[in-house]
Amino acid sequence: MRDGAMGGSPFESPDTQGFVTGLFLEPNGATHQVMLKAAARAGAEERALMCRLALALPLLSQGVPFVHAGDDLLRSKSLDRDSYNSGDHFNRIDWTGQCNNFGVDWSGEREAETRAGAGNAGLPPASKNQHAWPLKRPLLAAVAAYKPPPAVIAAAAAYVRALLRVRYSSPLFRMPRASDIKQQVVFENTGPDQIPGVICMRLISARSPDHGTYDPELASVVVVINARPAAARLPFPAGVRGLELHPVLAELAGEDDALAGCQADVVRGVVDVPGRVAAVFVERRRA
């Protein structure tokens, strides 16, 4: 493909707008149903946190983020692994956020029953799914255990919207040149003493607009992505004296229990991030 599309040239570009960062596309589809691979004991709320964490990866990365349609609403294709020809039954998106389409029979008579958690919508088409029916049948039979309620869907959508606001609040999330990324993106929590399952990324503003990507208000941004089920505590990066939770997330924390435990302790020089949560902290420029 490289020879045909690029004339043999490497897939490299100094312009980061040529790179798209995303998660799951066809044939596997929506993020929520990928998270159904988690342990059976994980309930609907924990799986929703996993989805939120996964979506934070492209939304807080460099390049152009791509989010699959309805992922913010925890959209499901009712375990259809390739819904290209499956019609509305499996591809439907409820934009009102009342139902994520997992285990729902939209034919009419059984819709109320399946919304209440009894029964299931039937197995996905045999052409691409029959080999996995033994695995999918018990999941679809236990709709109530895995289907997120409207409040959980609303919280996930609000979190994704908040991350979009965070992303566009600083040019440090949208560095235009690969050279800027190499110079201004630093990963902490590395080496033999690192905390497994935790990504800590620092985005450092250039000292002036002539020396790279420059944020006139922030000296740096610290992104912590905690994939662990337990909370994580990390020290401030070297040279950073003060951090605070990004104002957008701080505002949402009053309504979102998952974010309530995110905090920066300036006295101790540490940040705390609950399990399955991605948080953003900012270091303001000194006068």
Protein backbone atom coordinates (compact mmCIF):
# COMPACT_ATOMS: atom_id res chain seq x y z
CA MET A 1 0.00 0.00 0.00
CA ARG A 2 2.87 2.35 0.78
CA ASP A 3 4.30 1.90 -2.71
CA GLY A 4 0.94 2.54 -4.35
CA ALA A 5 -0.28 5.43 -2.23
CA MET A 6 2.94 7.12 -1.22
CA GLY A 7 5.33 6.27 -4.03
CA GLY A 8 7.47 4.23 -1.66
CA SER A 9 7.90 7.08 0.82
CA PRO A 10 7.61 6.42 4.57
CA PHE A 11 4.31 7.25 6.25
CA GLU A 12 5.69 10.33 7.96
CA SER A 13 4.69 13.96 7.96
CA PRO A 14 5.92 17.02 9.82
CA ASP A 15 2.28 18.12 10.06
CA THR A 16 0.35 16.36 12.83
CA GLN A 17 -2.99 17.17 11.17
CA GLY A 18 -2.26 14.26 8.84
CA PHE A 19 -2.59 11.76 11.69
CA VAL A 20 -5.93 10.56 13.02
CA THR A 21 -6.10 8.94 16.46
CA GLY A 22 -9.03 6.67 17.27
CA LEU A 23 -10.11 3.47 18.97
CA PHE A 24 -12.34 0.79 17.48
CA LEU A 25 -13.85 0.95 14.00
CA GLU A 26 -15.60 -1.72 11.99
CA PRO A 27 -15.73 -4.65 12.09
CA ASN A 28 -15.76 -4.60 15.91
CA GLY A 29 -17.63 -1.34 16.23
CA ALA A 30 -18.59 0.45 19.40
CA THR A 31 -16.36 0.82 22.43
CA HIS A 32 -19.05 -0.31 24.87
CA GLN A 33 -19.38 -3.76 23.37
CA VAL A 34 -15.61 -4.18 23.30
CA MET A 35 -15.69 -3.58 27.06
CA LEU A 36 -18.08 -6.51 27.39
CA LYS A 37 -14.91 -8.60 27.21
CA ALA A 38 -14.17 -7.48 30.76
CA ALA A 39 -14.69 -9.85 33.67
CA ALA A 40 -18.31 -10.94 34.14
CA ARG A 41 -18.35 -9.44 37.65
CA ALA A 42 -17.86 -5.92 36.22
CA GLY A 43 -21.22 -4.18 36.25
CA ALA A 44 -22.67 -1.56 33.94
CA GLU A 45 -21.17 1.41 35.78
CA GLU A 46 -17.65 -0.04 35.86
CA ARG A 47 -17.81 -0.86 32.14
CA ALA A 48 -18.96 2.70 31.49
CA LEU A 49 -15.87 3.97 33.33
CA MET A 50 -13.74 1.73 31.10
CA CYS A 51 -15.38 3.26 28.03
CA ARG A 52 -14.78 6.78 29.31
CA LEU A 53 -11.15 5.98 30.00
CA ALA A 54 -10.69 4.51 26.51
CA LEU A 55 -12.22 7.57 24.85
CA ALA A 56 -9.89 9.84 26.81
CA LEU A 57 -6.90 8.34 24.98
CA PRO A 58 -7.63 9.86 21.54
CA LEU A 59 -9.26 12.98 22.98
CA LEU A 60 -6.14 13.89 24.96
CA SER A 61 -3.60 12.78 22.34
CA GLN A 62 -1.85 14.75 19.63
CA GLY A 63 -3.10 14.64 16.05
CA VAL A 64 -6.77 14.58 15.08
CA PRO A 65 -9.02 12.61 17.48
CA PHE A 66 -11.70 10.36 16.03
CA VAL A 67 -14.67 9.15 18.09
CA HIS A 68 -16.98 6.49 16.67
CA ALA A 69 -20.57 7.71 16.32
CA GLY A 70 -22.45 7.30 19.58
CA ASP A 71 -19.46 6.21 21.67
CA ASP A 72 -20.08 9.12 24.02
CA LEU A 73 -23.55 7.63 24.60
CA LEU A 74 -22.06 4.17 25.29
CA ARG A 75 -23.62 2.96 22.06
CA SER A 76 -23.87 -0.78 21.54
CA LYS A 77 -24.53 -2.84 18.44
CA SER A 78 -25.89 -5.65 20.59
CA LEU A 79 -22.70 -7.70 20.05
CA ASP A 80 -22.81 -7.66 16.24
CA ARG A 81 -19.14 -7.78 15.27
CA ASP A 82 -19.76 -6.46 11.74
CA SER A 83 -22.91 -4.38 11.42
CA TYR A 84 -22.29 -3.09 7.89
CA ASN A 85 -25.35 -4.88 6.50
CA SER A 86 -27.32 -5.27 9.73
CA GLY A 87 -29.69 -2.34 9.32
CA ASP A 88 -31.19 -0.17 12.05
CA HIS A 89 -31.85 -3.06 14.40
CA PHE A 90 -28.18 -3.21 15.38
CA ASN A 91 -26.96 0.20 14.17
CA ARG A 92 -29.55 2.39 15.87
CA ILE A 93 -28.35 5.29 18.03
CA ASP A 94 -30.66 6.72 20.66
CA TRP A 95 -29.59 10.37 20.69
CA THR A 96 -31.79 11.02 23.72
CA GLY A 97 -29.48 8.88 25.84
CA GLN A 98 -32.27 6.73 27.26
CA CYS A 99 -31.07 3.45 25.75
CA ASN A 100 -27.68 2.36 24.41
CA ASN A 101 -29.18 -0.38 22.17
CA PHE A 102 -27.66 -3.33 24.03
CA GLY A 103 -30.03 -6.28 24.05
CA VAL A 104 -32.96 -4.25 22.75
CA ASP A 105 -35.63 -5.63 20.46
CA TRP A 106 -36.85 -2.67 18.41
CA SER A 107 -39.59 -4.69 16.71
CA GLY A 108 -42.17 -3.19 19.05
CA GLU A 109 -43.86 -5.86 21.14
CA ARG A 110 -40.79 -6.87 23.14
CA GLU A 111 -39.22 -3.43 23.42
CA ALA A 112 -40.79 -2.60 26.78
CA GLU A 113 -39.86 -6.03 28.09
CA THR A 114 -36.21 -5.75 27.08
CA ARG A 115 -35.97 -2.17 28.33
CA ALA A 116 -36.97 -3.53 31.73
CA GLY A 117 -34.18 -6.07 31.52
CA ALA A 118 -36.14 -9.26 30.85
CA GLY A 119 -35.37 -11.44 27.88
CA ASN A 120 -33.06 -10.34 25.08
CA ALA A 121 -33.15 -9.10 21.53
CA GLY A 122 -31.88 -12.27 19.96
CA LEU A 123 -28.45 -13.13 18.66
CA PRO A 124 -26.63 -11.03 16.05
CA PRO A 125 -26.62 -12.26 12.43
CA ALA A 126 -25.04 -15.65 11.84
CA SER A 127 -22.87 -14.60 8.90
CA LYS A 128 -20.23 -12.89 11.08
CA ASN A 129 -21.24 -13.96 14.58
CA GLN A 130 -22.35 -17.59 14.69
CA HIS A 131 -18.97 -18.85 15.86
CA ALA A 132 -19.31 -16.67 18.97
CA TRP A 133 -22.98 -17.29 19.74
CA PRO A 134 -22.14 -19.50 22.76
CA LEU A 135 -20.29 -16.52 24.28
CA LYS A 136 -22.82 -13.87 23.29
CA ARG A 137 -25.99 -15.73 24.27
CA PRO A 138 -25.48 -15.47 28.07
CA LEU A 139 -24.47 -11.81 27.79
CA LEU A 140 -27.63 -10.93 25.89
CA ALA A 141 -29.69 -12.97 28.33
CA ALA A 142 -28.37 -10.84 31.21
CA VAL A 143 -29.35 -7.44 29.82
CA ALA A 144 -29.95 -5.83 33.19
CA ALA A 145 -26.43 -6.62 34.42
CA TYR A 146 -24.61 -4.98 31.52
CA LYS A 147 -26.90 -2.33 30.09
CA PRO A 148 -26.15 1.18 31.41
CA PRO A 149 -29.08 3.17 32.79
CA PRO A 150 -29.81 6.65 31.41
CA ALA A 151 -27.98 8.38 34.28
CA VAL A 152 -24.77 6.50 33.50
CA ILE A 153 -25.11 7.28 29.79
CA ALA A 154 -25.64 10.97 30.57
CA ALA A 155 -22.56 11.04 32.82
CA ALA A 156 -20.43 9.46 30.09
CA ALA A 157 -21.64 11.96 27.49
CA ALA A 158 -20.97 14.88 29.84
CA TYR A 159 -17.46 13.58 30.52
CA VAL A 160 -16.66 13.32 26.80
CA ARG A 161 -17.97 16.85 26.22
CA ALA A 162 -15.80 18.05 29.08
CA LEU A 163 -12.71 16.41 27.57
CA LEU A 164 -13.43 18.16 24.29
CA ARG A 165 -13.55 21.49 26.13
CA VAL A 166 -10.29 20.61 27.88
CA ARG A 167 -8.68 19.74 24.56
CA TYR A 168 -9.62 23.03 22.96
CA SER A 169 -8.69 25.09 25.99
CA SER A 170 -4.97 24.83 25.21
CA PRO A 171 -2.91 24.60 22.01
CA LEU A 172 -0.66 22.13 23.84
CA PHE A 173 -3.15 19.38 22.97
CA ARG A 174 -2.90 20.31 19.29
CA MET A 175 0.80 20.75 18.56
CA PRO A 176 1.03 21.32 14.79
CA ARG A 177 4.53 19.96 14.20
CA ALA A 178 6.17 16.63 14.96
CA SER A 179 9.25 18.51 16.14
CA ASP A 180 7.14 20.25 18.81
CA ILE A 181 5.85 16.91 20.06
CA LYS A 182 9.37 15.50 20.35
CA GLN A 183 10.54 18.52 22.32
CA GLN A 184 7.47 19.35 24.40
CA VAL A 185 5.79 16.03 25.29
CA VAL A 186 7.37 14.14 28.18
CA PHE A 187 6.18 10.90 29.77
CA GLU A 188 6.56 10.57 33.52
CA ASN A 189 6.01 7.43 35.66
CA THR A 190 8.61 5.43 33.75
CA GLY A 191 11.43 3.09 34.72
CA PRO A 192 11.58 0.22 37.21
CA ASP A 193 9.68 2.14 39.92
CA GLN A 194 6.72 3.09 37.76
CA ILE A 195 3.15 2.39 38.85
CA PRO A 196 1.80 -0.20 36.38
CA GLY A 197 -1.32 0.76 34.47
CA VAL A 198 -0.85 4.51 34.81
CA ILE A 199 0.15 6.92 32.03
CA CYS A 200 1.45 10.32 33.07
CA MET A 201 2.07 12.73 30.20
CA ARG A 202 3.34 16.28 30.54
CA LEU A 203 2.79 18.85 27.79
CA ILE A 204 5.28 21.69 28.19
CA SER A 205 4.61 25.11 26.70
CA ALA A 206 7.39 26.73 24.69
CA ARG A 207 8.99 29.75 26.36
CA SER A 208 7.79 31.95 23.50
CA PRO A 209 5.74 31.61 20.28
CA ASP A 210 8.97 31.49 18.28
CA HIS A 211 10.24 28.35 20.01
CA GLY A 212 7.38 25.89 19.52
CA THR A 213 3.77 25.48 20.59
CA TYR A 214 3.06 28.24 23.09
CA ASP A 215 0.27 28.63 25.63
CA PRO A 216 0.15 32.18 27.01
CA GLU A 217 -1.67 31.06 30.17
CA LEU A 218 -0.21 27.67 31.03
CA ALA A 219 3.37 26.60 31.64
CA SER A 220 2.44 22.94 31.28
CA VAL A 221 -0.37 20.41 31.35
CA VAL A 222 -0.18 17.06 33.14
CA VAL A 223 -2.45 14.26 31.91
CA VAL A 224 -2.90 11.20 34.12
CA ILE A 225 -4.68 8.15 32.72
CA ASN A 226 -5.27 5.58 35.43
CA ALA A 227 -6.35 2.24 33.99
CA ARG A 228 -6.06 0.53 37.38
CA PRO A 229 -9.19 -0.29 39.38
CA ALA A 230 -7.54 1.39 42.39
CA ALA A 231 -6.62 5.04 42.86
CA ALA A 232 -3.13 6.23 41.93
CA ARG A 233 -0.94 8.88 43.55
CA LEU A 234 1.87 10.43 41.52
CA PRO A 235 4.44 13.09 42.41
CA PHE A 236 4.51 16.41 40.59
CA PRO A 237 6.93 16.25 37.63
CA ALA A 238 10.36 17.68 38.35
CA GLY A 239 10.36 21.47 38.28
CA VAL A 240 6.59 21.79 38.69
CA ARG A 241 5.63 23.66 41.85
CA GLY A 242 1.91 24.03 41.47
CA LEU A 243 -0.82 22.01 39.78
CA GLU A 244 -4.60 22.22 39.88
CA LEU A 245 -7.35 20.14 38.34
CA HIS A 246 -8.37 21.63 35.01
CA PRO A 247 -11.25 24.06 35.67
CA VAL A 248 -13.58 22.25 33.27
CA LEU A 249 -13.10 18.95 35.12
CA ALA A 250 -13.24 20.67 38.50
CA GLU A 251 -16.66 22.03 37.57
CA LEU A 252 -17.87 18.62 36.41
CA ALA A 253 -16.52 16.91 39.56
CA GLY A 254 -19.39 18.41 41.51
CA GLU A 255 -21.78 16.24 39.50
CA ASP A 256 -19.56 13.26 38.61
CA ASP A 257 -18.61 10.89 41.42
CA ALA A 258 -15.77 9.38 39.39
CA LEU A 259 -14.02 12.75 39.18
CA ALA A 260 -14.67 13.77 42.78
CA GLY A 261 -11.45 12.12 43.98
CA CYS A 262 -9.19 13.94 41.50
CA GLN A 263 -7.05 16.44 43.35
CA ALA A 264 -3.65 18.10 43.44
CA ASP A 265 -1.92 18.56 46.80
CA VAL A 266 0.51 21.45 46.44
CA VAL A 267 1.91 20.98 49.96
CA ARG A 268 2.82 17.33 49.38
CA GLY A 269 3.50 17.78 45.69
CA VAL A 270 1.28 14.91 44.55
CA VAL A 271 -1.81 14.32 42.43
CA ASP A 272 -4.49 11.72 43.18
CA VAL A 273 -6.58 10.10 40.44
CA PRO A 274 -9.28 7.49 41.14
CA GLY A 275 -9.32 4.15 39.36
CA ARG A 276 -10.53 4.01 35.74
CA VAL A 277 -10.28 7.80 35.42
CA ALA A 278 -8.37 10.14 33.12
CA ALA A 279 -7.68 13.56 34.64
CA VAL A 280 -5.97 16.73 33.47
CA PHE A 281 -4.02 19.08 35.73
CA VAL A 282 -2.64 22.47 34.74
CA GLU A 283 0.39 24.50 35.81
CA ARG A 284 -0.28 28.20 35.36
CA ARG A 285 2.37 30.63 34.22
CA ARG A 286 3.94 32.70 36.94
CA ALA A 287 3.67 36.45 36.72
